Amino acid sequence: MAKCHVKKGDEVVVIAGTERGKRGKIITVLSGHQRVIVEGVKMIKKHTRKNQQNPNGAIIEREGSVHISNVMRADQFDARAKKRGTADASA
């Protein structure tokens, strides 16, 4: 397995895909699948069955995974945007 450029706890920016421009902290790195789970990004709805906690069942919203090549550490992203002089350095 190749070494990942990000790790758990890093703040990252999504640089490609439908969630482009969103920032968040890495919750989990799935190194075997080359994916990361970033808080607040790629939210999916998970339907759960009836159980003791949810007697009627529930729809839980949680984060989905993003491919590791579609994220960049936030400090590198900000440095790159500052070097280019673009106004969206904070986006």
N, C-alpha and C. Protein backbone atom coordinates (compact mmCIF):
# COMPACT_ATOMS: atom_id res chain seq x y z
N MET A 1 0.83 -1.19 0.00
CA MET A 1 0.00 0.00 0.00
C MET A 1 0.87 1.25 0.00
N ALA A 2 0.43 2.23 -0.76
CA ALA A 2 1.18 3.48 -0.83
C ALA A 2 0.90 4.33 0.41
N LYS A 3 1.83 5.20 0.73
CA LYS A 3 1.66 6.09 1.87
C LYS A 3 0.67 7.19 1.51
N CYS A 4 -0.23 7.50 2.43
CA CYS A 4 -1.25 8.51 2.19
C CYS A 4 -0.71 9.91 2.49
N HIS A 5 -1.19 10.90 1.78
CA HIS A 5 -0.75 12.28 2.00
C HIS A 5 -1.56 12.98 3.09
N VAL A 6 -2.58 12.32 3.60
CA VAL A 6 -3.39 12.87 4.69
C VAL A 6 -3.55 11.80 5.76
N LYS A 7 -3.90 12.24 6.97
CA LYS A 7 -4.13 11.29 8.06
C LYS A 7 -5.32 11.74 8.88
N LYS A 8 -5.74 10.90 9.78
CA LYS A 8 -6.89 11.18 10.63
C LYS A 8 -6.63 12.45 11.44
N GLY A 9 -7.62 13.35 11.46
CA GLY A 9 -7.50 14.59 12.21
C GLY A 9 -7.06 15.79 11.38
N ASP A 10 -6.54 15.56 10.18
CA ASP A 10 -6.12 16.67 9.31
C ASP A 10 -7.34 17.43 8.81
N GLU A 11 -7.19 18.75 8.64
CA GLU A 11 -8.24 19.53 7.99
C GLU A 11 -7.95 19.52 6.51
N VAL A 12 -8.96 19.17 5.71
CA VAL A 12 -8.77 19.04 4.27
C VAL A 12 -9.82 19.84 3.51
N VAL A 13 -9.52 20.08 2.23
CA VAL A 13 -10.44 20.72 1.29
C VAL A 13 -10.69 19.72 0.17
N VAL A 14 -11.96 19.57 -0.22
CA VAL A 14 -12.29 18.70 -1.35
C VAL A 14 -12.01 19.49 -2.62
N ILE A 15 -11.16 18.94 -3.51
CA ILE A 15 -10.75 19.69 -4.69
C ILE A 15 -11.40 19.20 -5.98
N ALA A 16 -12.18 18.11 -5.91
CA ALA A 16 -12.84 17.60 -7.11
C ALA A 16 -14.12 16.89 -6.72
N GLY A 17 -15.05 16.84 -7.66
CA GLY A 17 -16.30 16.12 -7.44
C GLY A 17 -17.44 17.06 -7.06
N THR A 18 -18.56 16.47 -6.69
CA THR A 18 -19.76 17.25 -6.39
C THR A 18 -19.62 18.07 -5.11
N GLU A 19 -18.73 17.67 -4.22
CA GLU A 19 -18.54 18.37 -2.95
C GLU A 19 -17.37 19.34 -3.00
N ARG A 20 -16.95 19.75 -4.19
CA ARG A 20 -15.78 20.60 -4.37
C ARG A 20 -15.88 21.89 -3.57
N GLY A 21 -14.77 22.23 -2.88
CA GLY A 21 -14.70 23.46 -2.12
C GLY A 21 -15.06 23.31 -0.65
N LYS A 22 -15.62 22.18 -0.26
CA LYS A 22 -16.00 21.99 1.14
C LYS A 22 -14.78 21.62 1.97
N ARG A 23 -14.78 22.09 3.22
CA ARG A 23 -13.70 21.82 4.16
C ARG A 23 -14.22 20.97 5.30
N GLY A 24 -13.33 20.20 5.88
CA GLY A 24 -13.70 19.41 7.04
C GLY A 24 -12.51 18.66 7.58
N LYS A 25 -12.72 18.03 8.72
CA LYS A 25 -11.67 17.26 9.38
C LYS A 25 -11.86 15.79 9.03
N ILE A 26 -10.76 15.08 8.82
CA ILE A 26 -10.83 13.66 8.47
C ILE A 26 -11.21 12.85 9.70
N ILE A 27 -12.26 12.05 9.56
CA ILE A 27 -12.72 11.18 10.64
C ILE A 27 -12.02 9.83 10.55
N THR A 28 -11.95 9.28 9.34
CA THR A 28 -11.38 7.95 9.13
C THR A 28 -10.65 7.90 7.80
N VAL A 29 -9.55 7.15 7.75
CA VAL A 29 -8.85 6.87 6.50
C VAL A 29 -9.03 5.39 6.20
N LEU A 30 -9.63 5.08 5.06
CA LEU A 30 -9.82 3.70 4.62
C LEU A 30 -8.72 3.38 3.62
N SER A 31 -7.54 3.01 4.13
CA SER A 31 -6.36 2.88 3.28
C SER A 31 -6.50 1.74 2.27
N GLY A 32 -7.19 0.68 2.61
CA GLY A 32 -7.35 -0.43 1.68
C GLY A 32 -8.15 -0.05 0.44
N HIS A 33 -9.09 0.87 0.60
CA HIS A 33 -9.92 1.31 -0.52
C HIS A 33 -9.49 2.67 -1.06
N GLN A 34 -8.45 3.26 -0.49
CA GLN A 34 -7.95 4.58 -0.87
C GLN A 34 -9.04 5.64 -0.78
N ARG A 35 -9.76 5.65 0.35
CA ARG A 35 -10.84 6.60 0.56
C ARG A 35 -10.73 7.20 1.95
N VAL A 36 -11.33 8.38 2.13
CA VAL A 36 -11.37 9.03 3.44
C VAL A 36 -12.81 9.45 3.74
N ILE A 37 -13.11 9.56 5.03
CA ILE A 37 -14.41 10.07 5.46
C ILE A 37 -14.14 11.41 6.13
N VAL A 38 -14.74 12.47 5.57
CA VAL A 38 -14.53 13.83 6.04
C VAL A 38 -15.84 14.32 6.66
N GLU A 39 -15.74 14.96 7.84
CA GLU A 39 -16.96 15.38 8.53
C GLU A 39 -17.69 16.45 7.74
N GLY A 40 -19.01 16.27 7.57
CA GLY A 40 -19.85 17.23 6.87
C GLY A 40 -19.79 17.18 5.36
N VAL A 41 -19.08 16.20 4.81
CA VAL A 41 -18.93 16.09 3.36
C VAL A 41 -19.56 14.79 2.88
N LYS A 42 -20.24 14.84 1.74
CA LYS A 42 -20.83 13.67 1.09
C LYS A 42 -21.85 12.98 2.02
N MET A 43 -22.78 13.77 2.56
CA MET A 43 -23.76 13.25 3.49
C MET A 43 -24.72 12.29 2.77
N ILE A 44 -24.94 11.13 3.40
CA ILE A 44 -25.85 10.13 2.86
C ILE A 44 -26.89 9.79 3.92
N LYS A 45 -28.03 9.28 3.47
CA LYS A 45 -29.08 8.87 4.40
C LYS A 45 -29.06 7.36 4.52
N LYS A 46 -29.02 6.88 5.76
CA LYS A 46 -28.98 5.44 6.03
C LYS A 46 -30.27 5.07 6.74
N HIS A 47 -31.02 4.15 6.16
CA HIS A 47 -32.27 3.69 6.74
C HIS A 47 -31.98 2.55 7.69
N THR A 48 -32.46 2.67 8.93
CA THR A 48 -32.21 1.63 9.92
C THR A 48 -33.51 0.89 10.24
N ARG A 49 -33.35 -0.35 10.63
CA ARG A 49 -34.51 -1.17 11.00
C ARG A 49 -34.97 -0.82 12.41
N LYS A 50 -36.12 -1.36 12.77
CA LYS A 50 -36.62 -1.18 14.13
C LYS A 50 -35.67 -1.85 15.11
N ASN A 51 -35.39 -1.16 16.22
CA ASN A 51 -34.60 -1.74 17.29
C ASN A 51 -34.98 -1.05 18.60
N GLN A 52 -34.30 -1.37 19.68
CA GLN A 52 -34.69 -0.79 20.97
C GLN A 52 -34.45 0.71 21.02
N GLN A 53 -33.40 1.20 20.39
CA GLN A 53 -33.15 2.64 20.40
C GLN A 53 -34.15 3.39 19.52
N ASN A 54 -34.52 2.79 18.37
CA ASN A 54 -35.46 3.39 17.43
C ASN A 54 -36.63 2.42 17.21
N PRO A 55 -37.67 2.49 18.05
CA PRO A 55 -38.76 1.51 17.94
C PRO A 55 -39.51 1.58 16.62
N ASN A 56 -39.48 2.72 15.92
CA ASN A 56 -40.16 2.84 14.63
C ASN A 56 -39.18 2.82 13.46
N GLY A 57 -37.91 2.56 13.73
CA GLY A 57 -36.91 2.68 12.68
C GLY A 57 -36.53 4.14 12.55
N ALA A 58 -35.53 4.44 11.72
CA ALA A 58 -35.10 5.82 11.58
C ALA A 58 -34.33 6.00 10.28
N ILE A 59 -34.20 7.25 9.90
CA ILE A 59 -33.33 7.61 8.77
C ILE A 59 -32.21 8.44 9.37
N ILE A 60 -31.01 7.89 9.34
CA ILE A 60 -29.85 8.54 9.94
C ILE A 60 -29.01 9.16 8.82
N GLU A 61 -28.60 10.40 9.04
CA GLU A 61 -27.75 11.07 8.05
C GLU A 61 -26.31 10.98 8.53
N ARG A 62 -25.42 10.47 7.68
CA ARG A 62 -24.01 10.32 8.05
C ARG A 62 -23.12 10.62 6.86
N GLU A 63 -21.82 10.68 7.11
CA GLU A 63 -20.87 11.01 6.05
C GLU A 63 -20.57 9.78 5.20
N GLY A 64 -20.43 10.02 3.90
CA GLY A 64 -19.97 8.98 2.99
C GLY A 64 -18.48 9.16 2.75
N SER A 65 -17.90 8.30 1.93
CA SER A 65 -16.47 8.36 1.69
C SER A 65 -16.16 9.12 0.40
N VAL A 66 -14.96 9.71 0.37
CA VAL A 66 -14.47 10.45 -0.78
C VAL A 66 -13.13 9.84 -1.15
N HIS A 67 -12.83 9.75 -2.44
CA HIS A 67 -11.54 9.18 -2.84
C HIS A 67 -10.41 10.10 -2.37
N ILE A 68 -9.33 9.47 -1.96
CA ILE A 68 -8.22 10.21 -1.34
C ILE A 68 -7.56 11.19 -2.31
N SER A 69 -7.67 10.94 -3.61
CA SER A 69 -7.07 11.85 -4.59
C SER A 69 -7.89 13.13 -4.75
N ASN A 70 -9.11 13.16 -4.21
CA ASN A 70 -9.98 14.33 -4.35
C ASN A 70 -9.90 15.26 -3.15
N VAL A 71 -8.97 15.01 -2.22
CA VAL A 71 -8.81 15.90 -1.08
C VAL A 71 -7.37 16.40 -1.00
N MET A 72 -7.22 17.60 -0.42
CA MET A 72 -5.90 18.20 -0.24
C MET A 72 -5.88 18.85 1.14
N ARG A 73 -4.74 18.78 1.82
CA ARG A 73 -4.64 19.41 3.13
C ARG A 73 -4.93 20.89 3.00
N ALA A 74 -5.65 21.45 3.96
CA ALA A 74 -6.13 22.82 3.88
C ALA A 74 -4.98 23.82 3.85
N ASP A 75 -3.91 23.57 4.60
CA ASP A 75 -2.80 24.52 4.61
C ASP A 75 -2.11 24.58 3.25
N GLN A 76 -1.98 23.44 2.57
CA GLN A 76 -1.40 23.43 1.22
C GLN A 76 -2.32 24.14 0.23
N PHE A 77 -3.63 23.92 0.38
CA PHE A 77 -4.60 24.55 -0.50
C PHE A 77 -4.56 26.06 -0.36
N ASP A 78 -4.51 26.55 0.90
CA ASP A 78 -4.46 27.99 1.14
C ASP A 78 -3.18 28.61 0.60
N ALA A 79 -2.06 27.91 0.76
CA ALA A 79 -0.78 28.41 0.26
C ALA A 79 -0.80 28.49 -1.26
N ARG A 80 -1.39 27.50 -1.90
CA ARG A 80 -1.48 27.50 -3.36
C ARG A 80 -2.37 28.63 -3.85
N ALA A 81 -3.49 28.86 -3.17
CA ALA A 81 -4.41 29.93 -3.56
C ALA A 81 -3.77 31.30 -3.34
N LYS A 82 -3.02 31.43 -2.26
CA LYS A 82 -2.34 32.71 -1.98
C LYS A 82 -1.27 32.99 -3.03
N LYS A 83 -0.55 31.95 -3.42
CA LYS A 83 0.51 32.10 -4.42
C LYS A 83 -0.08 32.54 -5.77
N ARG A 84 -1.24 31.98 -6.11
CA ARG A 84 -1.90 32.35 -7.35
C ARG A 84 -2.58 33.69 -7.26
N GLY A 85 -2.88 34.13 -6.04
CA GLY A 85 -3.55 35.41 -5.86
C GLY A 85 -5.04 35.35 -6.14
N THR A 86 -5.65 34.19 -5.98
CA THR A 86 -7.08 34.06 -6.23
C THR A 86 -7.86 34.52 -5.01
N ALA A 87 -9.06 34.99 -5.24
CA ALA A 87 -9.89 35.51 -4.14
C ALA A 87 -10.52 34.38 -3.32
N ASP A 88 -10.58 33.17 -3.88
CA ASP A 88 -11.27 32.08 -3.18
C ASP A 88 -10.31 31.27 -2.29
N ALA A 89 -9.37 31.93 -1.67
CA ALA A 89 -8.41 31.24 -0.80
C ALA A 89 -9.09 30.64 0.42
N SER A 90 -10.21 31.23 0.84
CA SER A 90 -10.92 30.72 2.02
C SER A 90 -12.00 29.72 1.64
N ALA A 91 -12.29 29.52 0.36
CA ALA A 91 -13.37 28.63 -0.06
C ALA A 91 -12.99 27.20 -0.11
